[in-house]
Amino acid sequence: MRRALILAVTAGLLAGCGGQHGGSPAGPADKDVRLTSCALSRKLHAGVVHGVITNTTGRTAGYVVQVDIVDGGGNRVDTAMHAETDVAPGEKAKFTASGVQTYGGRITCRVASVQRTTR
């Protein structure tokens, strides 16, 4: 259910924003995302990721961030998603995203993909 909601929000964001238009040239969208922490939730036993999105374009932008949650052996065990709309040029937006799979052990996180749309 939660994953379906995340996918619906993601699809709506991408459909409504239309792609990158004009404005200042920007580097790759994944350079706009920095992960600040990655840990297992003590209560849920699922991965919780914190990060910051910095809009490096000259236009208001929306972002969809996918983060892979990886076990100690380097295997992806879950994915966390976050959608952020209306990030003004130069603005920073903090975010939290959670996985849905329960597991134990050591984890790390890595940005898997970033979709950025400007208007």
N, C-alpha and C. Protein backbone atom coordinates (compact mmCIF):
# COMPACT_ATOMS: atom_id res chain seq x y z
N MET A 1 0.83 -1.19 0.00
CA MET A 1 0.00 0.00 0.00
C MET A 1 0.88 1.26 0.00
N ARG A 2 1.88 1.28 0.90
CA ARG A 2 2.73 2.47 0.99
C ARG A 2 3.51 2.66 -0.31
N ARG A 3 4.05 1.57 -0.86
CA ARG A 3 4.82 1.67 -2.10
C ARG A 3 3.93 2.17 -3.24
N ALA A 4 2.65 1.73 -3.26
CA ALA A 4 1.73 2.19 -4.29
C ALA A 4 1.48 3.69 -4.16
N LEU A 5 1.38 4.19 -2.92
CA LEU A 5 1.19 5.61 -2.70
C LEU A 5 2.41 6.40 -3.17
N ILE A 6 3.60 5.91 -2.86
CA ILE A 6 4.83 6.58 -3.28
C ILE A 6 4.90 6.63 -4.81
N LEU A 7 4.58 5.52 -5.46
CA LEU A 7 4.62 5.49 -6.92
C LEU A 7 3.59 6.43 -7.52
N ALA A 8 2.41 6.53 -6.91
CA ALA A 8 1.38 7.43 -7.42
C ALA A 8 1.82 8.88 -7.30
N VAL A 9 2.42 9.24 -6.17
CA VAL A 9 2.93 10.60 -5.98
C VAL A 9 4.03 10.90 -6.99
N THR A 10 4.93 9.94 -7.17
CA THR A 10 6.03 10.11 -8.12
C THR A 10 5.50 10.33 -9.54
N ALA A 11 4.54 9.51 -9.94
CA ALA A 11 3.98 9.64 -11.29
C ALA A 11 3.29 10.99 -11.46
N GLY A 12 2.58 11.45 -10.44
CA GLY A 12 1.91 12.74 -10.51
C GLY A 12 2.89 13.89 -10.62
N LEU A 13 3.98 13.81 -9.87
CA LEU A 13 5.00 14.86 -9.91
C LEU A 13 5.63 14.93 -11.30
N LEU A 14 5.98 13.77 -11.85
CA LEU A 14 6.62 13.76 -13.17
C LEU A 14 5.66 14.22 -14.26
N ALA A 15 4.40 13.82 -14.17
CA ALA A 15 3.43 14.20 -15.18
C ALA A 15 3.14 15.70 -15.14
N GLY A 16 3.15 16.28 -13.95
CA GLY A 16 2.81 17.68 -13.82
C GLY A 16 3.93 18.63 -14.12
N CYS A 17 5.15 18.17 -14.14
CA CYS A 17 6.28 19.09 -14.28
C CYS A 17 6.84 19.17 -15.68
N GLY A 18 6.69 18.18 -16.46
CA GLY A 18 7.01 18.28 -17.86
C GLY A 18 8.44 18.25 -18.31
N GLY A 19 9.45 18.25 -17.59
CA GLY A 19 10.80 18.20 -18.14
C GLY A 19 11.53 19.50 -17.93
N GLN A 20 12.80 19.51 -18.22
CA GLN A 20 13.64 20.67 -17.97
C GLN A 20 13.47 21.67 -19.10
N HIS A 21 13.24 22.92 -18.73
CA HIS A 21 13.06 23.99 -19.69
C HIS A 21 14.03 25.11 -19.39
N GLY A 22 14.56 25.74 -20.38
CA GLY A 22 15.33 26.97 -20.28
C GLY A 22 16.04 27.21 -18.96
N GLY A 23 16.18 28.48 -18.56
CA GLY A 23 16.81 28.83 -17.30
C GLY A 23 18.30 28.59 -17.35
N SER A 24 18.93 28.68 -16.19
CA SER A 24 20.37 28.47 -16.11
C SER A 24 20.72 27.02 -16.34
N PRO A 25 21.80 26.75 -17.05
CA PRO A 25 22.21 25.37 -17.22
C PRO A 25 22.58 24.79 -15.85
N ALA A 26 22.28 23.55 -15.66
CA ALA A 26 22.58 22.89 -14.39
C ALA A 26 23.34 21.61 -14.67
N GLY A 27 24.07 21.16 -13.66
CA GLY A 27 24.78 19.90 -13.77
C GLY A 27 23.82 18.74 -13.61
N PRO A 28 24.37 17.53 -13.54
CA PRO A 28 23.52 16.35 -13.36
C PRO A 28 22.68 16.47 -12.09
N ALA A 29 21.44 16.00 -12.16
CA ALA A 29 20.51 16.11 -11.04
C ALA A 29 21.01 15.38 -9.80
N ASP A 30 21.74 14.27 -9.97
CA ASP A 30 22.20 13.53 -8.79
C ASP A 30 23.20 14.34 -7.97
N LYS A 31 23.82 15.36 -8.57
CA LYS A 31 24.75 16.23 -7.82
C LYS A 31 23.99 17.17 -6.88
N ASP A 32 22.67 17.29 -7.07
CA ASP A 32 21.85 18.14 -6.20
C ASP A 32 21.43 17.45 -4.91
N VAL A 33 21.72 16.16 -4.77
CA VAL A 33 21.27 15.38 -3.61
C VAL A 33 22.47 14.90 -2.80
N ARG A 34 22.38 15.13 -1.49
CA ARG A 34 23.42 14.66 -0.57
C ARG A 34 22.74 13.93 0.57
N LEU A 35 23.17 12.69 0.82
CA LEU A 35 22.65 11.92 1.95
C LEU A 35 23.41 12.31 3.21
N THR A 36 22.68 12.56 4.30
CA THR A 36 23.32 12.98 5.54
C THR A 36 23.33 11.89 6.59
N SER A 37 22.42 10.91 6.50
CA SER A 37 22.46 9.77 7.42
C SER A 37 21.68 8.60 6.84
N CYS A 38 22.03 7.43 7.34
CA CYS A 38 21.40 6.19 6.90
C CYS A 38 21.47 5.22 8.07
N ALA A 39 20.33 4.79 8.58
CA ALA A 39 20.33 3.91 9.75
C ALA A 39 19.07 3.06 9.77
N LEU A 40 19.11 1.99 10.55
CA LEU A 40 17.91 1.19 10.77
C LEU A 40 17.09 1.85 11.86
N SER A 41 15.80 1.94 11.63
CA SER A 41 14.89 2.43 12.66
C SER A 41 14.81 1.38 13.76
N ARG A 42 15.00 1.78 15.01
CA ARG A 42 14.92 0.83 16.13
C ARG A 42 13.50 0.28 16.26
N LYS A 43 12.53 1.11 15.98
CA LYS A 43 11.13 0.71 16.13
C LYS A 43 10.65 -0.16 14.97
N LEU A 44 10.96 0.25 13.74
CA LEU A 44 10.44 -0.42 12.55
C LEU A 44 11.39 -1.45 11.96
N HIS A 45 12.67 -1.39 12.30
CA HIS A 45 13.70 -2.27 11.73
C HIS A 45 13.76 -2.14 10.21
N ALA A 46 13.52 -0.93 9.71
CA ALA A 46 13.61 -0.63 8.28
C ALA A 46 14.59 0.54 8.13
N GLY A 47 15.15 0.69 6.94
CA GLY A 47 16.11 1.76 6.70
C GLY A 47 15.46 3.13 6.68
N VAL A 48 16.10 4.09 7.32
CA VAL A 48 15.65 5.48 7.32
C VAL A 48 16.81 6.34 6.81
N VAL A 49 16.52 7.15 5.80
CA VAL A 49 17.53 7.96 5.14
C VAL A 49 17.18 9.43 5.33
N HIS A 50 18.18 10.24 5.65
CA HIS A 50 18.02 11.69 5.72
C HIS A 50 18.94 12.30 4.67
N GLY A 51 18.49 13.39 4.05
CA GLY A 51 19.32 14.03 3.05
C GLY A 51 18.91 15.46 2.80
N VAL A 52 19.64 16.09 1.89
CA VAL A 52 19.40 17.48 1.51
C VAL A 52 19.43 17.57 -0.01
N ILE A 53 18.43 18.25 -0.55
CA ILE A 53 18.38 18.56 -1.98
C ILE A 53 18.71 20.04 -2.13
N THR A 54 19.65 20.38 -3.01
CA THR A 54 19.98 21.77 -3.30
C THR A 54 19.69 22.02 -4.76
N ASN A 55 18.78 22.93 -5.04
CA ASN A 55 18.43 23.25 -6.42
C ASN A 55 19.53 24.11 -7.03
N THR A 56 20.28 23.54 -7.95
CA THR A 56 21.39 24.24 -8.60
C THR A 56 20.98 24.87 -9.93
N THR A 57 19.70 24.80 -10.26
CA THR A 57 19.24 25.38 -11.52
C THR A 57 18.80 26.82 -11.28
N GLY A 58 18.51 27.52 -12.33
CA GLY A 58 18.02 28.89 -12.25
C GLY A 58 16.51 28.97 -12.23
N ARG A 59 15.83 27.84 -12.06
CA ARG A 59 14.36 27.80 -12.07
C ARG A 59 13.86 26.94 -10.92
N THR A 60 12.61 27.13 -10.55
CA THR A 60 11.98 26.27 -9.55
C THR A 60 11.98 24.84 -10.08
N ALA A 61 12.30 23.90 -9.21
CA ALA A 61 12.43 22.51 -9.65
C ALA A 61 11.71 21.55 -8.71
N GLY A 62 11.34 20.42 -9.25
CA GLY A 62 10.80 19.30 -8.49
C GLY A 62 11.78 18.14 -8.61
N TYR A 63 11.84 17.32 -7.60
CA TYR A 63 12.79 16.20 -7.56
C TYR A 63 12.10 14.93 -7.13
N VAL A 64 12.50 13.82 -7.72
CA VAL A 64 12.14 12.50 -7.25
C VAL A 64 13.46 11.77 -7.01
N VAL A 65 13.68 11.37 -5.76
CA VAL A 65 14.94 10.76 -5.36
C VAL A 65 14.69 9.30 -4.98
N GLN A 66 15.49 8.41 -5.54
CA GLN A 66 15.44 6.99 -5.18
C GLN A 66 16.76 6.66 -4.50
N VAL A 67 16.67 6.06 -3.32
CA VAL A 67 17.85 5.69 -2.55
C VAL A 67 17.85 4.17 -2.35
N ASP A 68 18.95 3.53 -2.68
CA ASP A 68 19.10 2.10 -2.42
C ASP A 68 19.62 1.91 -1.00
N ILE A 69 19.01 0.98 -0.29
CA ILE A 69 19.47 0.60 1.04
C ILE A 69 20.19 -0.74 0.87
N VAL A 70 21.43 -0.79 1.30
CA VAL A 70 22.34 -1.89 0.97
C VAL A 70 22.81 -2.57 2.25
N ASP A 71 22.85 -3.91 2.23
CA ASP A 71 23.34 -4.64 3.40
C ASP A 71 24.86 -4.69 3.42
N GLY A 72 25.41 -5.29 4.47
CA GLY A 72 26.86 -5.36 4.65
C GLY A 72 27.58 -6.09 3.52
N GLY A 73 26.87 -6.95 2.78
CA GLY A 73 27.47 -7.67 1.67
C GLY A 73 27.39 -6.93 0.34
N GLY A 74 26.83 -5.71 0.36
CA GLY A 74 26.73 -4.93 -0.87
C GLY A 74 25.48 -5.20 -1.68
N ASN A 75 24.52 -5.96 -1.12
CA ASN A 75 23.29 -6.30 -1.82
C ASN A 75 22.18 -5.30 -1.47
N ARG A 76 21.46 -4.85 -2.49
CA ARG A 76 20.32 -3.95 -2.23
C ARG A 76 19.24 -4.75 -1.54
N VAL A 77 18.80 -4.28 -0.37
CA VAL A 77 17.76 -4.97 0.38
C VAL A 77 16.44 -4.19 0.39
N ASP A 78 16.48 -2.93 -0.01
CA ASP A 78 15.27 -2.11 -0.02
C ASP A 78 15.54 -0.84 -0.82
N THR A 79 14.47 -0.11 -1.07
CA THR A 79 14.55 1.17 -1.76
C THR A 79 13.68 2.17 -1.03
N ALA A 80 14.18 3.37 -0.85
CA ALA A 80 13.41 4.46 -0.27
C ALA A 80 13.22 5.53 -1.34
N MET A 81 12.04 6.13 -1.37
CA MET A 81 11.73 7.15 -2.37
C MET A 81 11.29 8.43 -1.67
N HIS A 82 11.63 9.56 -2.32
CA HIS A 82 11.16 10.85 -1.82
C HIS A 82 10.87 11.75 -3.01
N ALA A 83 9.75 12.47 -2.94
CA ALA A 83 9.40 13.46 -3.96
C ALA A 83 9.31 14.82 -3.30
N GLU A 84 9.92 15.81 -3.92
CA GLU A 84 9.93 17.18 -3.41
C GLU A 84 9.50 18.10 -4.55
N THR A 85 8.53 18.96 -4.30
CA THR A 85 8.06 19.89 -5.33
C THR A 85 8.44 21.31 -4.97
N ASP A 86 8.52 22.14 -5.95
CA ASP A 86 8.71 23.59 -5.77
C ASP A 86 9.91 23.98 -4.93
N VAL A 87 11.08 23.52 -5.30
CA VAL A 87 12.32 23.94 -4.65
C VAL A 87 12.84 25.13 -5.47
N ALA A 88 12.88 26.28 -4.84
CA ALA A 88 13.30 27.51 -5.53
C ALA A 88 14.78 27.45 -5.90
N PRO A 89 15.20 28.22 -6.89
CA PRO A 89 16.62 28.24 -7.27
C PRO A 89 17.51 28.56 -6.07
N GLY A 90 18.53 27.75 -5.86
CA GLY A 90 19.47 27.94 -4.76
C GLY A 90 18.97 27.46 -3.41
N GLU A 91 17.69 27.10 -3.32
CA GLU A 91 17.11 26.67 -2.04
C GLU A 91 17.53 25.25 -1.70
N LYS A 92 17.60 24.97 -0.38
CA LYS A 92 17.89 23.62 0.11
C LYS A 92 16.63 23.07 0.75
N ALA A 93 16.35 21.80 0.50
CA ALA A 93 15.21 21.13 1.10
C ALA A 93 15.70 19.85 1.78
N LYS A 94 15.49 19.77 3.09
CA LYS A 94 15.85 18.56 3.83
C LYS A 94 14.75 17.52 3.61
N PHE A 95 15.15 16.25 3.59
CA PHE A 95 14.15 15.20 3.43
C PHE A 95 14.48 13.97 4.27
N THR A 96 13.44 13.19 4.52
CA THR A 96 13.55 11.89 5.18
C THR A 96 12.78 10.90 4.33
N ALA A 97 13.38 9.75 4.08
CA ALA A 97 12.72 8.69 3.33
C ALA A 97 12.95 7.38 4.06
N SER A 98 11.96 6.51 4.02
CA SER A 98 12.07 5.23 4.72
C SER A 98 11.84 4.07 3.76
N GLY A 99 12.56 2.99 4.02
CA GLY A 99 12.29 1.76 3.33
C GLY A 99 11.09 1.09 3.96
N VAL A 100 10.65 -0.01 3.38
CA VAL A 100 9.49 -0.72 3.91
C VAL A 100 9.81 -2.15 4.33
N GLN A 101 10.98 -2.65 3.97
CA GLN A 101 11.37 -4.01 4.33
C GLN A 101 12.00 -4.03 5.72
N THR A 102 11.69 -5.04 6.51
CA THR A 102 12.32 -5.18 7.82
C THR A 102 13.50 -6.13 7.70
N TYR A 103 14.58 -5.80 8.39
CA TYR A 103 15.79 -6.61 8.38
C TYR A 103 16.69 -6.14 9.50
N GLY A 104 17.71 -6.89 9.76
CA GLY A 104 18.67 -6.52 10.79
C GLY A 104 20.06 -6.45 10.17
N GLY A 105 21.00 -6.02 10.98
CA GLY A 105 22.37 -5.94 10.48
C GLY A 105 22.75 -4.54 10.07
N ARG A 106 23.92 -4.45 9.51
CA ARG A 106 24.50 -3.17 9.11
C ARG A 106 24.00 -2.79 7.71
N ILE A 107 23.71 -1.49 7.53
CA ILE A 107 23.28 -1.01 6.21
C ILE A 107 24.06 0.24 5.83
N THR A 108 24.10 0.49 4.53
CA THR A 108 24.57 1.75 3.98
C THR A 108 23.53 2.19 2.95
N CYS A 109 23.61 3.42 2.51
CA CYS A 109 22.67 3.94 1.53
C CYS A 109 23.42 4.64 0.41
N ARG A 110 22.82 4.60 -0.79
CA ARG A 110 23.42 5.29 -1.93
C ARG A 110 22.29 5.81 -2.82
N VAL A 111 22.52 6.98 -3.38
CA VAL A 111 21.54 7.56 -4.30
C VAL A 111 21.54 6.70 -5.56
N ALA A 112 20.38 6.15 -5.88
CA ALA A 112 20.25 5.30 -7.06
C ALA A 112 19.87 6.12 -8.29
N SER A 113 18.95 7.07 -8.11
CA SER A 113 18.56 7.92 -9.23
C SER A 113 17.91 9.20 -8.72
N VAL A 114 17.99 10.23 -9.55
CA VAL A 114 17.35 11.50 -9.24
C VAL A 114 16.72 12.01 -10.53
N GLN A 115 15.45 12.31 -10.46
CA GLN A 115 14.75 12.95 -11.58
C GLN A 115 14.50 14.39 -11.17
N ARG A 116 14.92 15.33 -11.97
CA ARG A 116 14.70 16.75 -11.70
C ARG A 116 13.92 17.34 -12.86
N THR A 117 12.88 18.07 -12.53
CA THR A 117 12.10 18.78 -13.55
C THR A 117 12.04 20.24 -13.15
N THR A 118 12.15 21.12 -14.13
CA THR A 118 12.08 22.55 -13.85
C THR A 118 10.94 23.16 -14.61
N ARG A 119 10.52 24.31 -14.13
CA ARG A 119 9.46 25.04 -14.84
C ARG A 119 9.78 26.50 -14.90
